[in-house]
């Protein structure tokens, strides 16, 4: 179960981000319409991801390194990883939690890298945002077919933007068609941990196993099917 749900969850995140990174190839004017810093943050950083993924000047190793750095700057994977552990983050040994968040980060980046190139031909347009608190904004977007591409249904996406201790904006969760992905994954992880005597180490090992499979796969389309 955990292998399926992890791949499915990460694929959906990658799907949302992948739509985003194609935005500036077909809809650059949308950037000017951003009404607040959180909206600008989403669009501007998606532009950076698109530039990295489509660069013809970078070697595979350079692209991989730059993309990893981009992902780590854009999303707080350690914060998300700790959140997905729920109550187990408090009861598990500190060393186990740290090992898990490191494995979670490696896994997430590996999935993004192997899947993002599969979802071109779409556009993401920021449609507005809601401020939940001074440092907590949800940015909403529509994902639609790009001009000239085969028509696909429009769906809704959202990005929860918060601030780090030093005031930098960062993504802490993403919503696809009404489902907050970190919340969904927290439920899946809880189910796994309940079946494995609350062993965070077992969950970490499962993440490492899947990461190894993803990174060993061919660069173009080699990710496992979910």
Protein backbone atom coordinates (compact mmCIF):
# COMPACT_ATOMS: atom_id res chain seq x y z
CA UNK A 1 0.00 0.00 0.00
CA UNK A 2 2.64 2.51 0.98
CA UNK A 3 4.51 2.19 -2.31
CA UNK A 4 1.39 2.90 -4.30
CA UNK A 5 0.17 5.79 -2.19
CA UNK A 6 3.60 7.46 -2.06
CA UNK A 7 4.05 7.30 -5.82
CA UNK A 8 0.47 8.44 -6.40
CA UNK A 9 0.84 11.37 -3.98
CA UNK A 10 4.17 12.50 -5.36
CA UNK A 11 2.97 12.15 -8.93
CA UNK A 12 0.06 14.44 -8.19
CA UNK A 13 2.38 17.03 -6.68
CA UNK A 14 4.71 16.72 -9.64
CA UNK A 15 1.70 17.05 -11.94
CA UNK A 16 0.74 20.37 -10.35
CA UNK A 17 4.30 21.68 -10.40
CA UNK A 18 4.88 20.46 -13.93
CA UNK A 19 1.88 22.39 -15.17
CA UNK A 20 3.36 25.36 -13.40
CA UNK A 21 6.77 25.14 -15.01
CA UNK A 22 5.20 25.25 -18.48
CA UNK A 23 3.39 28.48 -17.67
CA UNK A 24 6.02 30.88 -18.87
CA UNK A 25 6.53 29.22 -22.21
CA UNK A 26 2.97 30.08 -23.23
CA UNK A 27 1.59 32.58 -20.72
CA UNK A 28 4.30 34.97 -19.62
CA UNK A 29 1.91 37.96 -19.48
CA UNK A 30 0.11 36.30 -16.56
CA UNK A 31 3.08 37.14 -14.35
CA UNK A 32 2.27 40.84 -14.56
CA UNK A 33 -1.23 40.16 -13.25
CA UNK A 34 -0.03 38.84 -9.91
CA UNK A 35 -1.74 40.94 -7.26
CA UNK A 36 0.34 40.23 -4.17
CA UNK A 37 3.77 38.90 -3.09
CA UNK A 38 2.52 35.33 -2.58
CA UNK A 39 1.10 35.17 -6.10
CA UNK A 40 4.27 36.70 -7.53
CA UNK A 41 6.34 34.19 -5.57
CA UNK A 42 4.51 31.24 -7.11
CA UNK A 43 4.77 32.48 -10.68
CA UNK A 44 8.32 33.77 -10.54
CA UNK A 45 9.69 30.61 -8.98
CA UNK A 46 7.83 28.40 -11.40
CA UNK A 47 9.55 30.38 -14.13
CA UNK A 48 12.93 29.41 -12.64
CA UNK A 49 11.99 25.73 -12.65
CA UNK A 50 10.94 25.93 -16.27
CA UNK A 51 14.26 27.54 -17.21
CA UNK A 52 16.25 24.76 -15.53
CA UNK A 53 14.23 21.91 -17.01
CA UNK A 54 14.38 23.29 -20.54
CA UNK A 55 17.95 24.52 -20.62
CA UNK A 56 20.07 23.17 -23.47
CA UNK A 57 23.24 24.57 -21.92
CA UNK A 58 23.30 22.33 -18.85
CA UNK A 59 24.65 18.81 -18.64
CA UNK A 60 22.43 16.16 -17.02
CA UNK A 61 24.43 16.44 -13.82
CA UNK A 62 24.24 20.23 -13.77
CA UNK A 63 20.51 20.16 -14.48
CA UNK A 64 19.95 17.62 -11.70
CA UNK A 65 21.96 19.65 -9.19
CA UNK A 66 20.31 22.94 -10.09
CA UNK A 67 16.86 21.39 -10.07
CA UNK A 68 17.44 19.88 -6.64
CA UNK A 69 18.58 23.24 -5.29
CA UNK A 70 15.55 24.87 -6.89
CA UNK A 71 13.16 22.38 -5.29
CA UNK A 72 14.75 22.75 -1.86
CA UNK A 73 14.49 26.55 -2.10
CA UNK A 74 10.88 26.47 -3.26
CA UNK A 75 9.40 23.87 -0.88
CA UNK A 76 10.07 23.23 2.79
CA UNK A 77 10.41 19.45 2.47
CA UNK A 78 11.64 18.96 6.02
CA UNK A 79 8.69 20.88 7.41
CA UNK A 80 6.28 18.96 5.20
CA UNK A 81 7.93 15.65 6.07
CA UNK A 82 7.67 16.32 9.80
CA UNK A 83 4.03 17.30 9.40
CA UNK A 84 3.20 14.08 7.55
CA UNK A 85 4.46 12.05 10.51
CA UNK A 86 1.72 13.50 12.70
CA UNK A 87 1.89 12.37 16.33
CA UNK A 88 4.77 10.05 15.50
CA UNK A 89 7.04 13.06 15.01
CA UNK A 90 6.75 13.70 18.74
CA UNK A 91 7.01 10.12 19.99
CA UNK A 92 9.77 8.78 17.71
CA UNK A 93 13.47 9.22 18.58
CA UNK A 94 14.81 12.52 17.27
CA UNK A 95 17.41 10.70 15.18
CA UNK A 96 14.68 8.63 13.48
CA UNK A 97 12.67 11.75 12.64
CA UNK A 98 15.73 13.47 11.19
CA UNK A 99 16.56 10.40 9.10
CA UNK A 100 12.98 10.30 7.85
CA UNK A 101 12.88 13.96 6.79
CA UNK A 102 16.18 13.52 4.94
CA UNK A 103 14.80 10.46 3.14
CA UNK A 104 11.55 12.28 2.44
CA UNK A 105 13.47 15.15 0.82
CA UNK A 106 15.51 12.82 -1.40
CA UNK A 107 12.41 10.90 -2.41
CA UNK A 108 10.40 14.01 -3.28
CA UNK A 109 13.18 15.49 -5.42
CA UNK A 110 13.69 12.17 -7.23
CA UNK A 111 10.01 11.91 -8.08
CA UNK A 112 9.83 15.51 -9.32
CA UNK A 113 12.84 15.00 -11.55
CA UNK A 114 11.58 11.79 -13.15
CA UNK A 115 8.00 12.93 -13.68
CA UNK A 116 7.99 16.62 -14.49
CA UNK A 117 9.00 16.19 -18.12
CA UNK A 118 5.89 14.08 -18.76
CA UNK A 119 3.37 16.85 -18.22
CA UNK A 120 4.05 19.51 -20.80
CA UNK A 121 1.45 21.14 -22.98
CA UNK A 122 -0.51 22.68 -20.11
CA UNK A 123 -0.66 26.16 -18.59
CA UNK A 124 -1.16 27.27 -15.01
CA UNK A 125 -2.77 30.64 -14.39
CA UNK A 126 -2.95 32.19 -10.93
CA UNK A 127 -6.54 33.28 -10.30
CA UNK A 128 -6.29 34.84 -6.85
CA UNK A 129 -5.42 34.12 -3.25
CA UNK A 130 -6.77 34.07 0.30
CA UNK A 131 -4.82 35.25 3.31
CA UNK A 132 -5.32 32.83 6.21
CA UNK A 133 -2.89 34.72 8.45
CA UNK A 134 -0.12 37.27 8.09
CA UNK A 135 2.32 34.51 7.08
CA UNK A 136 -0.14 32.04 5.58
CA UNK A 137 -1.58 32.59 2.08
CA UNK A 138 -3.30 30.15 -0.27
CA UNK A 139 -2.65 30.95 -3.93
CA UNK A 140 -5.25 29.55 -6.33
CA UNK A 141 -4.69 28.60 -9.96
CA UNK A 142 -6.40 27.02 -12.95
CA UNK A 143 -4.63 24.38 -15.03
CA UNK A 144 -5.73 24.24 -18.66
CA UNK A 145 -4.52 23.12 -22.06
CA UNK A 146 -1.89 25.27 -23.70
CA UNK A 147 -2.77 26.95 -27.01
CA UNK A 148 -2.48 24.42 -29.81
CA UNK A 149 -2.32 21.43 -27.46
CA UNK A 150 -4.92 18.69 -27.21
CA UNK A 151 -7.82 19.80 -25.04
CA UNK A 152 -7.86 18.39 -21.52
CA UNK A 153 -10.24 19.21 -18.67
CA UNK A 154 -9.45 22.28 -16.61
CA UNK A 155 -8.76 21.56 -12.96
CA UNK A 156 -8.05 23.60 -9.87
CA UNK A 157 -4.74 23.76 -8.02
CA UNK A 158 -3.59 25.75 -5.01
CA UNK A 159 -0.33 26.42 -3.21
CA UNK A 160 -0.06 27.19 0.49
CA UNK A 161 2.63 29.83 0.95
CA UNK A 162 4.06 30.48 4.40
CA UNK A 163 7.20 32.16 5.71
CA UNK A 164 10.40 30.76 7.15
CA UNK A 165 11.95 32.05 10.36
CA UNK A 166 13.92 34.61 8.35
CA UNK A 167 10.81 35.83 6.53
CA UNK A 168 11.26 34.04 3.19
CA UNK A 169 8.11 32.73 1.46
CA UNK A 170 8.02 28.97 0.92
CA UNK A 171 5.50 26.35 -0.22
CA UNK A 172 4.32 24.04 2.55
CA UNK A 173 1.44 22.24 0.82
CA UNK A 174 -0.32 21.90 -2.52
CA UNK A 175 -3.92 21.23 -3.36
CA UNK A 176 -5.13 19.33 -6.43
CA UNK A 177 -8.89 19.24 -7.04
CA UNK A 178 -9.71 19.98 -3.43
CA UNK A 179 -7.23 17.57 -1.83
CA UNK A 180 -4.41 19.00 0.26
CA UNK A 181 -1.55 16.66 -0.52
CA UNK A 182 0.39 16.89 2.75
CA UNK A 183 -2.80 16.20 4.68
CA UNK A 184 -3.55 13.22 2.46
CA UNK A 185 -0.04 11.86 2.83
CA UNK A 186 -0.18 12.30 6.59
CA UNK A 187 -3.17 9.97 6.60
CA UNK A 188 -1.33 7.42 4.44
CA UNK A 189 1.80 7.54 6.61
CA UNK A 190 -0.28 7.13 9.75
CA UNK A 191 -1.87 4.00 8.28
CA UNK A 192 1.56 2.61 7.39
CA UNK A 193 2.98 3.34 10.84
CA UNK A 194 0.00 1.75 12.55
CA UNK A 195 0.69 -1.42 10.59
CA UNK A 196 4.41 -1.35 11.44
CA UNK A 197 4.29 -0.78 15.20
CA UNK A 198 4.87 2.95 14.81
CA UNK A 199 8.33 2.42 13.33
CA UNK A 200 9.45 5.61 11.65
CA UNK A 201 12.62 3.76 10.72
CA UNK A 202 10.56 1.27 8.69
CA UNK A 203 8.86 4.12 6.85
CA UNK A 204 12.25 5.69 6.18
CA UNK A 205 13.57 2.43 4.74
CA UNK A 206 10.56 2.21 2.44
CA UNK A 207 11.19 5.74 1.18
CA UNK A 208 14.86 4.99 0.58
CA UNK A 209 13.97 1.85 -1.36
CA UNK A 210 11.64 3.77 -3.65
CA UNK A 211 14.13 6.59 -4.11
CA UNK A 212 16.78 4.10 -5.21
CA UNK A 213 14.38 2.65 -7.76
CA UNK A 214 13.53 6.08 -9.13
CA UNK A 215 17.11 7.31 -9.43
CA UNK A 216 18.21 4.06 -11.08
CA UNK A 217 15.53 4.35 -13.75
CA UNK A 218 16.30 5.86 -17.18
CA UNK A 219 16.15 9.65 -17.14
CA UNK A 220 13.41 9.89 -19.76
CA UNK A 221 10.22 8.25 -18.63
CA UNK A 222 11.83 5.62 -16.47
CA UNK A 223 9.83 6.21 -13.30
CA UNK A 224 7.69 3.43 -12.00
CA UNK A 225 4.07 3.46 -12.84
CA UNK A 226 1.73 4.41 -10.06
